[in-house]
Amino acid sequence: MTSLNRGDKAAFSELMTRHGPAVYRFAWALADEAHQADDLLQETFLVMWKRRHKIVLASESLLPWLLTTCRFTAYNSNRKSRARRTLPLDTAETATSTGAPASAIDELNWVREEIGALGPIDRQLIERCLLEGESYAAAAAALGISPAAARKRIQRTRIHLGAARIENQ
């Protein structure tokens, strides 16, 4: 550990060779998607390198610290990707093919109808920001309004959709 603290790249390489396979298998088990395992492995060892001066080991091995770091890195990565993950609002057939219950298909159709009934600017804002993940500033610029106006319009639309949902139930 002391040579790693001094920035010895050979010590880093040795740790990567020794613990990399175990960390990779652990990352693969934690990742939402298999292709994330490589990124989690790299991120875990990058964190180790950046924090090498502050690492306190509970035992002689660095592996428990690496696995704990990998776990938190995976949780953060999974949470971010889940927040961005959306289902297409294409058609009820999409929901049916995924085995969604009838109530979910009805709700999906209701959401599509409500979004379709919005005014053109509000509809485009919802589609760009909430469905496609575009930033408020970028959507506002594309629509010729200020970012503050875009945020306010989306806030009002959310309130409107929430009230309409209560009425619909």
N, C-alpha and C. Protein backbone atom coordinates (compact mmCIF):
# COMPACT_ATOMS: atom_id res chain seq x y z
N MET A 1 0.83 -1.20 0.00
CA MET A 1 0.00 0.00 0.00
C MET A 1 0.87 1.26 0.00
N THR A 2 2.01 1.20 0.67
CA THR A 2 2.85 2.40 0.75
C THR A 2 3.39 2.82 -0.61
N SER A 3 3.74 1.83 -1.44
CA SER A 3 4.24 2.20 -2.77
C SER A 3 3.10 2.78 -3.63
N LEU A 4 1.89 2.28 -3.42
CA LEU A 4 0.73 2.85 -4.12
C LEU A 4 0.49 4.28 -3.67
N ASN A 5 0.65 4.54 -2.37
CA ASN A 5 0.47 5.90 -1.85
C ASN A 5 1.45 6.87 -2.48
N ARG A 6 2.63 6.37 -2.81
CA ARG A 6 3.64 7.24 -3.44
C ARG A 6 3.37 7.44 -4.93
N GLY A 7 2.35 6.76 -5.46
CA GLY A 7 2.03 6.92 -6.88
C GLY A 7 2.74 5.94 -7.79
N ASP A 8 3.18 4.83 -7.23
CA ASP A 8 3.88 3.82 -8.01
C ASP A 8 2.91 3.12 -8.96
N LYS A 9 3.13 3.32 -10.25
CA LYS A 9 2.23 2.75 -11.25
C LYS A 9 2.38 1.23 -11.34
N ALA A 10 3.54 0.72 -11.02
CA ALA A 10 3.74 -0.73 -11.03
C ALA A 10 2.91 -1.38 -9.92
N ALA A 11 2.83 -0.73 -8.76
CA ALA A 11 2.02 -1.25 -7.66
C ALA A 11 0.54 -1.23 -8.05
N PHE A 12 0.13 -0.17 -8.72
CA PHE A 12 -1.25 -0.09 -9.21
C PHE A 12 -1.53 -1.23 -10.18
N SER A 13 -0.61 -1.45 -11.10
CA SER A 13 -0.77 -2.51 -12.09
C SER A 13 -0.84 -3.88 -11.42
N GLU A 14 -0.02 -4.09 -10.40
CA GLU A 14 -0.03 -5.36 -9.67
C GLU A 14 -1.38 -5.58 -8.97
N LEU A 15 -1.91 -4.52 -8.34
CA LEU A 15 -3.22 -4.62 -7.68
C LEU A 15 -4.32 -4.89 -8.70
N MET A 16 -4.22 -4.27 -9.84
CA MET A 16 -5.21 -4.48 -10.90
C MET A 16 -5.16 -5.93 -11.39
N THR A 17 -3.97 -6.45 -11.55
CA THR A 17 -3.81 -7.84 -11.99
C THR A 17 -4.32 -8.80 -10.92
N ARG A 18 -4.01 -8.53 -9.66
CA ARG A 18 -4.38 -9.43 -8.57
C ARG A 18 -5.88 -9.39 -8.30
N HIS A 19 -6.47 -8.19 -8.22
CA HIS A 19 -7.86 -8.07 -7.78
C HIS A 19 -8.84 -7.76 -8.90
N GLY A 20 -8.34 -7.42 -10.07
CA GLY A 20 -9.22 -7.06 -11.18
C GLY A 20 -10.25 -8.12 -11.52
N PRO A 21 -9.88 -9.38 -11.66
CA PRO A 21 -10.88 -10.40 -12.01
C PRO A 21 -12.01 -10.52 -10.97
N ALA A 22 -11.67 -10.46 -9.69
CA ALA A 22 -12.71 -10.57 -8.65
C ALA A 22 -13.62 -9.34 -8.67
N VAL A 23 -13.04 -8.17 -8.85
CA VAL A 23 -13.85 -6.95 -8.91
C VAL A 23 -14.73 -6.97 -10.16
N TYR A 24 -14.20 -7.46 -11.26
CA TYR A 24 -14.98 -7.54 -12.49
C TYR A 24 -16.19 -8.47 -12.31
N ARG A 25 -15.97 -9.64 -11.74
CA ARG A 25 -17.09 -10.57 -11.52
C ARG A 25 -18.14 -9.95 -10.60
N PHE A 26 -17.68 -9.26 -9.56
CA PHE A 26 -18.59 -8.59 -8.64
C PHE A 26 -19.36 -7.49 -9.36
N ALA A 27 -18.68 -6.71 -10.19
CA ALA A 27 -19.32 -5.63 -10.94
C ALA A 27 -20.35 -6.20 -11.91
N TRP A 28 -20.00 -7.30 -12.56
CA TRP A 28 -20.91 -7.93 -13.51
C TRP A 28 -22.17 -8.38 -12.80
N ALA A 29 -22.06 -8.88 -11.58
CA ALA A 29 -23.22 -9.33 -10.82
C ALA A 29 -24.10 -8.16 -10.39
N LEU A 30 -23.52 -7.00 -10.17
CA LEU A 30 -24.27 -5.84 -9.67
C LEU A 30 -24.86 -4.97 -10.78
N ALA A 31 -24.27 -5.02 -11.95
CA ALA A 31 -24.67 -4.12 -13.04
C ALA A 31 -26.05 -4.47 -13.57
N ASP A 32 -26.82 -3.44 -13.92
CA ASP A 32 -28.11 -3.66 -14.55
C ASP A 32 -27.94 -4.30 -15.92
N GLU A 33 -26.88 -3.92 -16.61
CA GLU A 33 -26.61 -4.45 -17.95
C GLU A 33 -25.17 -4.92 -18.00
N ALA A 34 -24.94 -6.04 -18.65
CA ALA A 34 -23.62 -6.67 -18.64
C ALA A 34 -22.51 -5.75 -19.15
N HIS A 35 -22.81 -4.89 -20.13
CA HIS A 35 -21.77 -4.03 -20.68
C HIS A 35 -21.27 -2.99 -19.68
N GLN A 36 -21.97 -2.79 -18.57
CA GLN A 36 -21.55 -1.82 -17.56
C GLN A 36 -20.41 -2.34 -16.70
N ALA A 37 -20.17 -3.64 -16.69
CA ALA A 37 -19.16 -4.23 -15.81
C ALA A 37 -17.78 -3.64 -16.07
N ASP A 38 -17.40 -3.47 -17.34
CA ASP A 38 -16.09 -2.88 -17.66
C ASP A 38 -15.97 -1.47 -17.09
N ASP A 39 -17.01 -0.67 -17.27
CA ASP A 39 -17.01 0.70 -16.75
C ASP A 39 -16.91 0.71 -15.23
N LEU A 40 -17.63 -0.19 -14.58
CA LEU A 40 -17.59 -0.25 -13.11
C LEU A 40 -16.20 -0.65 -12.62
N LEU A 41 -15.57 -1.60 -13.30
CA LEU A 41 -14.21 -2.00 -12.95
C LEU A 41 -13.26 -0.82 -13.06
N GLN A 42 -13.32 -0.12 -14.18
CA GLN A 42 -12.44 1.03 -14.39
C GLN A 42 -12.71 2.12 -13.37
N GLU A 43 -13.98 2.40 -13.12
CA GLU A 43 -14.33 3.45 -12.16
C GLU A 43 -13.85 3.09 -10.75
N THR A 44 -13.97 1.83 -10.37
CA THR A 44 -13.54 1.39 -9.04
C THR A 44 -12.04 1.61 -8.86
N PHE A 45 -11.24 1.20 -9.85
CA PHE A 45 -9.80 1.38 -9.74
C PHE A 45 -9.39 2.85 -9.89
N LEU A 46 -10.16 3.62 -10.62
CA LEU A 46 -9.89 5.06 -10.71
C LEU A 46 -10.12 5.72 -9.34
N VAL A 47 -11.21 5.34 -8.68
CA VAL A 47 -11.48 5.87 -7.33
C VAL A 47 -10.35 5.48 -6.39
N MET A 48 -9.89 4.22 -6.48
CA MET A 48 -8.78 3.78 -5.64
C MET A 48 -7.55 4.65 -5.88
N TRP A 49 -7.25 4.91 -7.14
CA TRP A 49 -6.07 5.71 -7.47
C TRP A 49 -6.21 7.14 -6.93
N LYS A 50 -7.37 7.72 -7.10
CA LYS A 50 -7.57 9.10 -6.64
C LYS A 50 -7.55 9.21 -5.12
N ARG A 51 -8.02 8.18 -4.45
CA ARG A 51 -8.11 8.22 -2.97
C ARG A 51 -7.01 7.42 -2.29
N ARG A 52 -5.97 7.09 -3.00
CA ARG A 52 -4.95 6.20 -2.47
C ARG A 52 -4.30 6.73 -1.19
N HIS A 53 -4.29 8.04 -0.99
CA HIS A 53 -3.69 8.62 0.21
C HIS A 53 -4.62 8.53 1.42
N LYS A 54 -5.91 8.35 1.17
CA LYS A 54 -6.90 8.37 2.25
C LYS A 54 -7.44 6.99 2.61
N ILE A 55 -7.07 5.96 1.89
CA ILE A 55 -7.62 4.62 2.10
C ILE A 55 -7.14 4.07 3.43
N VAL A 56 -8.09 3.61 4.24
CA VAL A 56 -7.79 2.94 5.50
C VAL A 56 -8.29 1.50 5.36
N LEU A 57 -7.39 0.56 5.51
CA LEU A 57 -7.74 -0.84 5.33
C LEU A 57 -8.16 -1.47 6.65
N ALA A 58 -9.21 -2.30 6.59
CA ALA A 58 -9.66 -3.03 7.78
C ALA A 58 -8.84 -4.30 7.95
N SER A 59 -8.25 -4.80 6.87
CA SER A 59 -7.40 -5.98 6.93
C SER A 59 -6.18 -5.72 6.05
N GLU A 60 -5.39 -6.74 5.82
CA GLU A 60 -4.20 -6.56 5.00
C GLU A 60 -4.50 -6.47 3.51
N SER A 61 -5.68 -6.94 3.11
CA SER A 61 -6.05 -6.96 1.70
C SER A 61 -6.83 -5.71 1.31
N LEU A 62 -6.60 -5.27 0.10
CA LEU A 62 -7.34 -4.14 -0.44
C LEU A 62 -8.65 -4.58 -1.07
N LEU A 63 -8.82 -5.89 -1.27
CA LEU A 63 -10.01 -6.40 -1.96
C LEU A 63 -11.32 -5.99 -1.30
N PRO A 64 -11.49 -6.09 0.02
CA PRO A 64 -12.78 -5.65 0.60
C PRO A 64 -13.10 -4.19 0.30
N TRP A 65 -12.08 -3.33 0.33
CA TRP A 65 -12.29 -1.92 0.03
C TRP A 65 -12.71 -1.76 -1.43
N LEU A 66 -12.06 -2.49 -2.32
CA LEU A 66 -12.39 -2.42 -3.73
C LEU A 66 -13.82 -2.90 -4.00
N LEU A 67 -14.21 -3.99 -3.36
CA LEU A 67 -15.56 -4.52 -3.56
C LEU A 67 -16.63 -3.56 -3.02
N THR A 68 -16.36 -2.96 -1.89
CA THR A 68 -17.30 -1.98 -1.33
C THR A 68 -17.41 -0.77 -2.25
N THR A 69 -16.29 -0.30 -2.74
CA THR A 69 -16.28 0.84 -3.67
C THR A 69 -17.01 0.47 -4.95
N CYS A 70 -16.79 -0.73 -5.44
CA CYS A 70 -17.48 -1.20 -6.64
C CYS A 70 -18.99 -1.25 -6.42
N ARG A 71 -19.39 -1.72 -5.26
CA ARG A 71 -20.83 -1.80 -4.95
C ARG A 71 -21.47 -0.41 -4.99
N PHE A 72 -20.85 0.57 -4.33
CA PHE A 72 -21.42 1.92 -4.32
C PHE A 72 -21.38 2.54 -5.72
N THR A 73 -20.33 2.27 -6.47
CA THR A 73 -20.23 2.77 -7.84
C THR A 73 -21.35 2.17 -8.69
N ALA A 74 -21.60 0.88 -8.52
CA ALA A 74 -22.67 0.21 -9.27
C ALA A 74 -24.02 0.77 -8.89
N TYR A 75 -24.26 0.97 -7.60
CA TYR A 75 -25.54 1.53 -7.16
C TYR A 75 -25.77 2.90 -7.80
N ASN A 76 -24.74 3.73 -7.78
CA ASN A 76 -24.87 5.07 -8.37
C ASN A 76 -25.11 4.98 -9.88
N SER A 77 -24.37 4.14 -10.55
CA SER A 77 -24.53 3.98 -11.99
C SER A 77 -25.91 3.45 -12.34
N ASN A 78 -26.36 2.43 -11.61
CA ASN A 78 -27.69 1.86 -11.87
C ASN A 78 -28.78 2.89 -11.62
N ARG A 79 -28.65 3.66 -10.55
CA ARG A 79 -29.66 4.67 -10.23
C ARG A 79 -29.73 5.72 -11.33
N LYS A 80 -28.59 6.16 -11.82
CA LYS A 80 -28.58 7.15 -12.90
C LYS A 80 -29.19 6.60 -14.18
N SER A 81 -28.83 5.37 -14.53
CA SER A 81 -29.37 4.81 -15.78
C SER A 81 -30.85 4.52 -15.65
N ARG A 82 -31.32 4.15 -14.48
CA ARG A 82 -32.75 3.90 -14.29
C ARG A 82 -33.54 5.20 -14.35
N ALA A 83 -32.92 6.29 -13.88
CA ALA A 83 -33.62 7.58 -13.91
C ALA A 83 -33.80 8.06 -15.34
N ARG A 84 -32.85 7.70 -16.22
CA ARG A 84 -32.94 8.12 -17.62
C ARG A 84 -33.73 7.15 -18.48
N ARG A 85 -33.94 5.95 -17.98
CA ARG A 85 -34.62 4.92 -18.77
C ARG A 85 -36.10 5.26 -18.91
N THR A 86 -36.58 5.20 -20.11
CA THR A 86 -37.99 5.46 -20.37
C THR A 86 -38.54 4.38 -21.28
N LEU A 87 -39.82 4.22 -21.23
CA LEU A 87 -40.49 3.32 -22.14
C LEU A 87 -41.12 4.15 -23.24
N PRO A 88 -41.11 3.67 -24.45
CA PRO A 88 -41.69 4.44 -25.54
C PRO A 88 -43.20 4.58 -25.39
N LEU A 89 -43.71 5.72 -25.79
CA LEU A 89 -45.15 5.96 -25.75
C LEU A 89 -45.77 5.63 -27.11
N ASP A 90 -45.08 4.82 -27.89
CA ASP A 90 -45.51 4.53 -29.26
C ASP A 90 -46.94 4.05 -29.34
N THR A 91 -47.17 2.85 -28.92
CA THR A 91 -48.50 2.27 -29.07
C THR A 91 -48.78 1.31 -27.94
N ALA A 92 -50.02 0.95 -27.82
CA ALA A 92 -50.40 -0.04 -26.82
C ALA A 92 -49.78 -1.39 -27.15
N GLU A 93 -49.47 -1.64 -28.42
CA GLU A 93 -48.87 -2.90 -28.80
C GLU A 93 -47.51 -3.07 -28.14
N THR A 94 -46.77 -1.96 -27.97
CA THR A 94 -45.47 -2.03 -27.30
C THR A 94 -45.66 -2.54 -25.89
N ALA A 95 -46.64 -1.97 -25.18
CA ALA A 95 -46.88 -2.39 -23.81
C ALA A 95 -47.39 -3.82 -23.76
N THR A 96 -48.24 -4.19 -24.71
CA THR A 96 -48.77 -5.54 -24.74
C THR A 96 -47.66 -6.55 -24.97
N SER A 97 -46.72 -6.22 -25.87
CA SER A 97 -45.64 -7.15 -26.17
C SER A 97 -44.69 -7.34 -25.00
N THR A 98 -44.65 -6.37 -24.08
CA THR A 98 -43.80 -6.52 -22.90
C THR A 98 -44.53 -7.22 -21.77
N GLY A 99 -45.79 -7.59 -21.99
CA GLY A 99 -46.53 -8.32 -20.96
C GLY A 99 -47.11 -7.42 -19.89
N ALA A 100 -47.29 -6.14 -20.19
CA ALA A 100 -47.84 -5.21 -19.21
C ALA A 100 -49.31 -5.53 -18.94
N PRO A 101 -49.77 -5.32 -17.71
CA PRO A 101 -51.18 -5.57 -17.42
C PRO A 101 -52.09 -4.57 -18.14
N ALA A 102 -53.35 -4.93 -18.29
CA ALA A 102 -54.31 -4.09 -19.01
C ALA A 102 -54.41 -2.71 -18.39
N SER A 103 -54.34 -2.62 -17.06
CA SER A 103 -54.44 -1.31 -16.40
C SER A 103 -53.29 -0.40 -16.81
N ALA A 104 -52.10 -0.97 -16.96
CA ALA A 104 -50.94 -0.18 -17.38
C ALA A 104 -51.11 0.30 -18.82
N ILE A 105 -51.68 -0.57 -19.67
CA ILE A 105 -51.91 -0.20 -21.07
C ILE A 105 -52.94 0.92 -21.14
N ASP A 106 -54.01 0.83 -20.32
CA ASP A 106 -55.02 1.89 -20.28
C ASP A 106 -54.39 3.20 -19.81
N GLU A 107 -53.54 3.12 -18.79
CA GLU A 107 -52.88 4.32 -18.28
C GLU A 107 -51.97 4.92 -19.34
N LEU A 108 -51.23 4.08 -20.06
CA LEU A 108 -50.36 4.55 -21.12
C LEU A 108 -51.16 5.27 -22.20
N ASN A 109 -52.26 4.69 -22.60
CA ASN A 109 -53.11 5.33 -23.61
C ASN A 109 -53.66 6.66 -23.10
N TRP A 110 -54.04 6.68 -21.82
CA TRP A 110 -54.56 7.92 -21.24
C TRP A 110 -53.48 9.01 -21.25
N VAL A 111 -52.25 8.65 -20.87
CA VAL A 111 -51.14 9.62 -20.86
C VAL A 111 -50.90 10.15 -22.27
N ARG A 112 -50.88 9.24 -23.26
CA ARG A 112 -50.68 9.67 -24.64
C ARG A 112 -51.77 10.66 -25.07
N GLU A 113 -53.02 10.39 -24.71
CA GLU A 113 -54.12 11.27 -25.09
C GLU A 113 -53.99 12.63 -24.41
N GLU A 114 -53.64 12.63 -23.13
CA GLU A 114 -53.49 13.89 -22.39
C GLU A 114 -52.35 14.73 -22.96
N ILE A 115 -51.23 14.10 -23.28
CA ILE A 115 -50.11 14.84 -23.87
C ILE A 115 -50.50 15.36 -25.25
N GLY A 116 -51.22 14.56 -26.01
CA GLY A 116 -51.67 14.97 -27.33
C GLY A 116 -52.64 16.14 -27.29
N ALA A 117 -53.38 16.28 -26.18
CA ALA A 117 -54.37 17.36 -26.05
C ALA A 117 -53.74 18.67 -25.59
N LEU A 118 -52.47 18.65 -25.22
CA LEU A 118 -51.82 19.88 -24.78
C LEU A 118 -51.60 20.81 -25.96
N GLY A 119 -51.39 22.08 -25.64
CA GLY A 119 -51.04 23.04 -26.68
C GLY A 119 -49.70 22.66 -27.30
N PRO A 120 -49.41 23.19 -28.49
CA PRO A 120 -48.20 22.77 -29.20
C PRO A 120 -46.89 23.01 -28.43
N ILE A 121 -46.76 24.15 -27.78
CA ILE A 121 -45.52 24.43 -27.05
C ILE A 121 -45.40 23.52 -25.84
N ASP A 122 -46.48 23.38 -25.07
CA ASP A 122 -46.44 22.51 -23.89
C ASP A 122 -46.17 21.06 -24.29
N ARG A 123 -46.80 20.61 -25.35
CA ARG A 123 -46.61 19.24 -25.81
C ARG A 123 -45.15 19.02 -26.21
N GLN A 124 -44.58 19.98 -26.96
CA GLN A 124 -43.19 19.84 -27.38
C GLN A 124 -42.23 19.88 -26.19
N LEU A 125 -42.55 20.73 -25.21
CA LEU A 125 -41.71 20.77 -24.00
C LEU A 125 -41.74 19.43 -23.27
N ILE A 126 -42.92 18.87 -23.10
CA ILE A 126 -43.05 17.58 -22.42
C ILE A 126 -42.29 16.51 -23.21
N GLU A 127 -42.48 16.48 -24.51
CA GLU A 127 -41.81 15.47 -25.32
C GLU A 127 -40.29 15.63 -25.26
N ARG A 128 -39.82 16.87 -25.40
CA ARG A 128 -38.38 17.10 -25.43
C ARG A 128 -37.72 16.87 -24.07
N CYS A 129 -38.31 17.45 -23.01
CA CYS A 129 -37.66 17.43 -21.70
C CYS A 129 -37.94 16.14 -20.92
N LEU A 130 -39.18 15.74 -20.84
CA LEU A 130 -39.53 14.62 -19.99
C LEU A 130 -39.43 13.27 -20.70
N LEU A 131 -39.69 13.23 -21.98
CA LEU A 131 -39.64 11.95 -22.68
C LEU A 131 -38.29 11.69 -23.33
N GLU A 132 -37.68 12.74 -23.88
CA GLU A 132 -36.40 12.56 -24.59
C GLU A 132 -35.20 12.93 -23.73
N GLY A 133 -35.43 13.58 -22.59
CA GLY A 133 -34.34 13.92 -21.69
C GLY A 133 -33.54 15.15 -22.06
N GLU A 134 -34.06 15.97 -22.95
CA GLU A 134 -33.37 17.20 -23.34
C GLU A 134 -33.43 18.19 -22.18
N SER A 135 -32.43 19.04 -22.05
CA SER A 135 -32.42 20.02 -20.97
C SER A 135 -33.49 21.09 -21.22
N TYR A 136 -33.95 21.71 -20.14
CA TYR A 136 -34.94 22.77 -20.26
C TYR A 136 -34.40 23.91 -21.12
N ALA A 137 -33.11 24.24 -20.90
CA ALA A 137 -32.51 25.35 -21.65
C ALA A 137 -32.48 25.06 -23.15
N ALA A 138 -32.11 23.84 -23.52
CA ALA A 138 -32.04 23.49 -24.95
C ALA A 138 -33.43 23.48 -25.57
N ALA A 139 -34.39 22.91 -24.86
CA ALA A 139 -35.76 22.86 -25.39
C ALA A 139 -36.32 24.28 -25.51
N ALA A 140 -36.06 25.10 -24.50
CA ALA A 140 -36.55 26.48 -24.53
C ALA A 140 -35.95 27.24 -25.71
N ALA A 141 -34.67 27.07 -25.94
CA ALA A 141 -34.02 27.76 -27.06
C ALA A 141 -34.62 27.30 -28.39
N ALA A 142 -34.87 26.02 -28.52
CA ALA A 142 -35.44 25.49 -29.76
C ALA A 142 -36.85 26.00 -30.00
N LEU A 143 -37.57 26.28 -28.92
CA LEU A 143 -38.96 26.73 -29.03
C LEU A 143 -39.10 28.25 -28.95
N GLY A 144 -37.98 28.95 -28.75
CA GLY A 144 -38.01 30.40 -28.72
C GLY A 144 -38.59 30.99 -27.44
N ILE A 145 -38.44 30.30 -26.30
CA ILE A 145 -38.90 30.84 -25.02
C ILE A 145 -37.73 30.78 -24.03
N SER A 146 -37.88 31.43 -22.90
CA SER A 146 -36.80 31.44 -21.91
C SER A 146 -36.83 30.13 -21.11
N PRO A 147 -35.68 29.73 -20.55
CA PRO A 147 -35.64 28.52 -19.72
C PRO A 147 -36.60 28.61 -18.52
N ALA A 148 -36.73 29.81 -17.95
CA ALA A 148 -37.66 29.98 -16.83
C ALA A 148 -39.10 29.73 -17.27
N ALA A 149 -39.44 30.23 -18.45
CA ALA A 149 -40.79 29.99 -18.97
C ALA A 149 -41.01 28.50 -19.25
N ALA A 150 -39.98 27.83 -19.75
CA ALA A 150 -40.09 26.39 -20.01
C ALA A 150 -40.33 25.63 -18.71
N ARG A 151 -39.56 25.95 -17.66
CA ARG A 151 -39.75 25.28 -16.37
C ARG A 151 -41.14 25.52 -15.82
N LYS A 152 -41.62 26.73 -15.92
CA LYS A 152 -42.94 27.07 -15.40
C LYS A 152 -44.03 26.35 -16.19
N ARG A 153 -43.89 26.30 -17.50
CA ARG A 153 -44.90 25.61 -18.33
C ARG A 153 -44.94 24.13 -18.01
N ILE A 154 -43.76 23.53 -17.82
CA ILE A 154 -43.72 22.11 -17.48
C ILE A 154 -44.32 21.88 -16.09
N GLN A 155 -44.03 22.78 -15.17
CA GLN A 155 -44.63 22.67 -13.82
C GLN A 155 -46.16 22.73 -13.91
N ARG A 156 -46.67 23.67 -14.65
CA ARG A 156 -48.13 23.79 -14.81
C ARG A 156 -48.72 22.56 -15.48
N THR A 157 -48.03 22.04 -16.48
CA THR A 157 -48.51 20.85 -17.18
C THR A 157 -48.54 19.66 -16.23
N ARG A 158 -47.52 19.51 -15.40
CA ARG A 158 -47.50 18.41 -14.42
C ARG A 158 -48.67 18.52 -13.46
N ILE A 159 -48.93 19.73 -13.00
CA ILE A 159 -50.07 19.95 -12.09
C ILE A 159 -51.37 19.60 -12.79
N HIS A 160 -51.51 20.04 -14.04
CA HIS A 160 -52.71 19.76 -14.82
C HIS A 160 -52.88 18.25 -15.02
N LEU A 161 -51.79 17.56 -15.39
CA LEU A 161 -51.87 16.10 -15.60
C LEU A 161 -52.18 15.36 -14.30
N GLY A 162 -51.61 15.85 -13.19
CA GLY A 162 -51.91 15.22 -11.90
C GLY A 162 -53.37 15.38 -11.53
N ALA A 163 -53.92 16.57 -11.75
CA ALA A 163 -55.34 16.80 -11.45
C ALA A 163 -56.23 15.97 -12.38
N ALA A 164 -55.85 15.89 -13.66
CA ALA A 164 -56.62 15.10 -14.61
C ALA A 164 -56.56 13.62 -14.25
N ARG A 165 -55.45 13.18 -13.74
CA ARG A 165 -55.33 11.76 -13.34
C ARG A 165 -56.26 11.44 -12.18
N ILE A 166 -56.33 12.36 -11.23
CA ILE A 166 -57.24 12.15 -10.09
C ILE A 166 -58.68 12.08 -10.58
N GLU A 167 -59.03 12.97 -11.50
CA GLU A 167 -60.38 12.96 -12.06
C GLU A 167 -60.67 11.68 -12.83
N ASN A 168 -59.65 11.16 -13.50
CA ASN A 168 -59.80 9.98 -14.35
C ASN A 168 -60.01 8.69 -13.52
N GLN A 169 -59.56 8.70 -12.29
CA GLN A 169 -59.65 7.48 -11.47
C GLN A 169 -61.00 7.24 -10.93
